[in-house]
Amino acid sequence: MKIYTKHGDSGETSLFGGQRVAKHFERIEAYGSVDELNAILGELLSLSDLPANVETMCAQLQADLFVLGADLATPEAASDVAKAKVTQITANDIETIESWIDSLDQELPELKTFILPGGCASGAKLHVARTVCRRAERAAVKCHQSDPLNPSCIAYLNRLSDFFFVAARYVNHVADAPETPWRPA
């Protein structure tokens, strides 16, 4: 399989199902940010200070983000045949993330103030993942206003950014990297 097709040289790309759209199209922004998030998780998984339980969760998330990307790349107008080929994000996926959040959060001290992103390398990278996830969520919400998405995609991204915040706190806690409270100037 060739990596280049030259079909995108004019600034357009294809959605799943064949519809051609501009590369700045809102749906492309959404799944492009999800792809960026997946690359950040790849970098995160290469770090040596990532606890095994969070590593397992993040490896699963990488697979799930491919599902999310395909879901976002499939417009409502796609044929039923095309839609049948795409696995969608479901409430089950969201519940899995919620269970991970609850599991990690019970190990943490109560959060009493805003904290600054940082800590150990993995903790800091999880904060980066959180912010890219929020960007993907904003792009998905914007797209959904004019071009309906699977509503579970938006809920998934919202919960996923919460996971990254709690996972960053957890990783820093395990590494004995102190949280830096935000102090207004």
Protein backbone atom coordinates (compact mmCIF):
# COMPACT_ATOMS: atom_id res chain seq x y z
CA MET A 1 0.00 0.00 0.00
CA LYS A 2 1.40 3.39 -0.97
CA ILE A 3 1.48 6.02 1.77
CA TYR A 4 0.85 8.85 -0.68
CA THR A 5 -2.14 9.13 -3.02
CA LYS A 6 -1.85 12.76 -4.18
CA HIS A 7 -5.62 13.10 -3.63
CA GLY A 8 -5.02 15.61 -0.83
CA ASP A 9 -2.68 17.86 -2.77
CA SER A 10 -5.47 20.35 -3.48
CA GLY A 11 -6.32 20.83 0.20
CA GLU A 12 -9.14 18.31 0.38
CA THR A 13 -9.47 14.91 2.02
CA SER A 14 -12.09 12.17 2.15
CA LEU A 15 -14.32 11.31 5.05
CA PHE A 16 -15.24 7.69 5.66
CA GLY A 17 -17.85 6.92 3.02
CA GLY A 18 -16.11 8.98 0.32
CA GLN A 19 -17.35 12.56 0.83
CA ARG A 20 -14.62 15.08 -0.10
CA VAL A 21 -14.13 18.03 2.26
CA ALA A 22 -11.59 20.79 2.86
CA LYS A 23 -8.81 19.86 5.25
CA HIS A 24 -9.83 22.75 7.51
CA PHE A 25 -13.35 21.26 7.87
CA GLU A 26 -14.49 21.08 11.51
CA ARG A 27 -14.76 17.29 11.46
CA ILE A 28 -11.15 17.06 10.23
CA GLU A 29 -10.06 19.41 13.05
CA ALA A 30 -11.74 17.10 15.56
CA TYR A 31 -10.22 13.83 14.41
CA GLY A 32 -6.90 15.52 13.66
CA SER A 33 -6.68 16.57 17.31
CA VAL A 34 -7.56 13.01 18.32
CA ASP A 35 -4.70 11.76 16.14
CA GLU A 36 -2.35 14.26 17.81
CA LEU A 37 -3.55 13.04 21.20
CA ASN A 38 -2.79 9.46 20.19
CA ALA A 39 0.76 10.47 19.22
CA ILE A 40 1.18 12.14 22.62
CA LEU A 41 0.12 8.88 24.26
CA GLY A 42 2.74 7.08 22.18
CA GLU A 43 5.36 9.47 23.53
CA LEU A 44 3.99 9.06 27.06
CA LEU A 45 4.27 5.27 26.80
CA SER A 46 7.97 5.63 25.96
CA LEU A 47 8.70 7.32 29.30
CA SER A 48 10.25 5.17 32.02
CA ASP A 49 8.46 6.75 34.99
CA LEU A 50 4.94 5.68 33.98
CA PRO A 51 3.36 3.29 36.52
CA ALA A 52 2.31 -0.07 35.05
CA ASN A 53 -1.42 0.42 35.74
CA VAL A 54 -1.49 3.79 33.96
CA GLU A 55 0.63 2.35 31.14
CA THR A 56 -2.00 -0.37 30.60
CA MET A 57 -4.79 2.22 30.60
CA CYS A 58 -2.97 4.47 28.13
CA ALA A 59 -2.21 1.55 25.81
CA GLN A 60 -5.93 0.73 25.75
CA LEU A 61 -6.73 4.38 25.13
CA GLN A 62 -4.49 4.39 22.05
CA ALA A 63 -6.64 1.64 20.53
CA ASP A 64 -9.83 3.43 21.59
CA LEU A 65 -8.63 6.68 20.01
CA PHE A 66 -8.46 4.90 16.64
CA VAL A 67 -12.11 3.94 17.14
CA LEU A 68 -12.93 7.52 18.10
CA GLY A 69 -11.10 8.89 15.05
CA ALA A 70 -13.00 6.57 12.71
CA ASP A 71 -16.27 7.46 14.43
CA LEU A 72 -15.55 11.19 13.99
CA ALA A 73 -14.54 10.63 10.35
CA THR A 74 -17.90 9.04 9.52
CA PRO A 75 -20.57 11.62 8.73
CA GLU A 76 -24.26 11.08 9.36
CA ALA A 77 -24.73 11.23 5.57
CA ALA A 78 -22.45 8.24 4.96
CA SER A 79 -24.14 5.18 3.51
CA ASP A 80 -25.43 2.50 5.84
CA VAL A 81 -22.85 0.15 4.31
CA ALA A 82 -20.03 2.55 5.23
CA LYS A 83 -21.44 3.15 8.73
CA ALA A 84 -21.70 -0.60 9.35
CA LYS A 85 -17.92 -0.89 8.87
CA VAL A 86 -17.15 1.60 11.65
CA THR A 87 -17.03 0.72 15.32
CA GLN A 88 -18.49 3.53 17.40
CA ILE A 89 -17.67 4.93 20.82
CA THR A 90 -20.33 3.77 23.30
CA ALA A 91 -21.49 4.42 26.84
CA ASN A 92 -19.47 1.34 27.79
CA ASP A 93 -16.24 3.08 26.73
CA ILE A 94 -17.16 6.11 28.83
CA GLU A 95 -17.94 3.92 31.85
CA THR A 96 -14.53 2.25 31.55
CA ILE A 97 -12.83 5.64 31.77
CA GLU A 98 -15.01 6.59 34.75
CA SER A 99 -13.97 3.41 36.56
CA TRP A 100 -10.30 4.23 35.91
CA ILE A 101 -10.79 7.77 37.22
CA ASP A 102 -12.45 6.46 40.38
CA SER A 103 -9.72 3.85 40.90
CA LEU A 104 -6.87 6.36 40.59
CA ASP A 105 -8.65 9.15 42.47
CA GLN A 106 -9.14 7.05 45.60
CA GLU A 107 -5.35 6.91 45.96
CA LEU A 108 -4.96 10.70 45.90
CA PRO A 109 -5.12 13.38 48.57
CA GLU A 110 -8.12 15.68 48.31
CA LEU A 111 -7.65 18.50 45.84
CA LYS A 112 -8.22 21.81 47.64
CA THR A 113 -6.92 24.33 45.12
CA PHE A 114 -6.01 24.68 41.46
CA ILE A 115 -2.66 23.10 40.62
CA LEU A 116 -0.13 24.00 37.96
CA PRO A 117 0.66 21.41 35.27
CA GLY A 118 4.01 19.72 35.76
CA GLY A 119 5.65 17.19 38.04
CA CYS A 120 7.58 14.21 36.76
CA ALA A 121 7.96 13.65 32.99
CA SER A 122 4.91 11.37 32.74
CA GLY A 123 2.78 13.65 34.89
CA ALA A 124 3.66 16.67 32.78
CA LYS A 125 2.98 14.76 29.55
CA LEU A 126 -0.44 13.68 30.89
CA HIS A 127 -1.25 17.36 31.41
CA VAL A 128 -0.30 18.01 27.77
CA ALA A 129 -2.60 15.13 26.76
CA ARG A 130 -5.39 16.73 28.82
CA THR A 131 -5.12 20.04 26.99
CA VAL A 132 -5.01 18.45 23.54
CA CYS A 133 -8.01 16.33 24.53
CA ARG A 134 -9.89 19.51 25.49
CA ARG A 135 -9.06 20.98 22.07
CA ALA A 136 -10.41 17.85 20.39
CA GLU A 137 -13.55 18.15 22.50
CA ARG A 138 -14.05 21.80 21.50
CA ALA A 139 -13.61 20.90 17.83
CA ALA A 140 -16.09 18.03 18.16
CA VAL A 141 -18.66 20.26 19.87
CA LYS A 142 -18.26 22.90 17.15
CA CYS A 143 -18.66 20.26 14.44
CA HIS A 144 -21.69 18.74 16.16
CA GLN A 145 -23.54 22.07 15.99
CA SER A 146 -23.68 21.92 12.18
CA ASP A 147 -22.85 18.31 11.33
CA PRO A 148 -24.19 15.80 13.87
CA LEU A 149 -21.74 13.42 15.54
CA ASN A 150 -22.30 10.37 17.68
CA PRO A 151 -23.04 12.15 21.00
CA SER A 152 -20.95 9.55 22.83
CA CYS A 153 -17.86 11.00 21.11
CA ILE A 154 -18.28 14.31 22.91
CA ALA A 155 -18.99 12.69 26.28
CA TYR A 156 -16.00 10.38 25.76
CA LEU A 157 -13.65 13.31 25.12
CA ASN A 158 -14.99 15.18 28.14
CA ARG A 159 -14.43 12.19 30.41
CA LEU A 160 -11.07 11.42 28.84
CA SER A 161 -9.71 14.87 29.70
CA ASP A 162 -10.85 14.27 33.29
CA PHE A 163 -8.96 10.97 33.22
CA PHE A 164 -5.78 12.69 32.06
CA PHE A 165 -6.03 15.22 34.90
CA VAL A 166 -6.50 12.51 37.54
CA ALA A 167 -3.84 10.29 35.94
CA ALA A 168 -1.36 13.20 35.99
CA ARG A 169 -2.04 13.74 39.68
CA TYR A 170 -1.74 9.99 40.34
CA VAL A 171 1.54 9.60 38.43
CA ASN A 172 3.02 12.58 40.25
CA HIS A 173 1.80 11.20 43.58
CA VAL A 174 3.42 7.80 42.93
CA ALA A 175 6.66 9.55 41.88
CA ASP A 176 6.61 11.76 45.00
CA ALA A 177 6.56 14.80 42.70
CA PRO A 178 4.82 17.53 44.69
CA GLU A 179 1.84 19.35 43.23
CA THR A 180 2.40 23.06 42.77
CA PRO A 181 -0.64 25.02 43.89
CA TRP A 182 -1.68 28.00 41.80
CA ARG A 183 -1.18 31.21 43.70
CA PRO A 184 -2.88 34.31 42.30
CA ALA A 185 -0.46 37.18 41.81
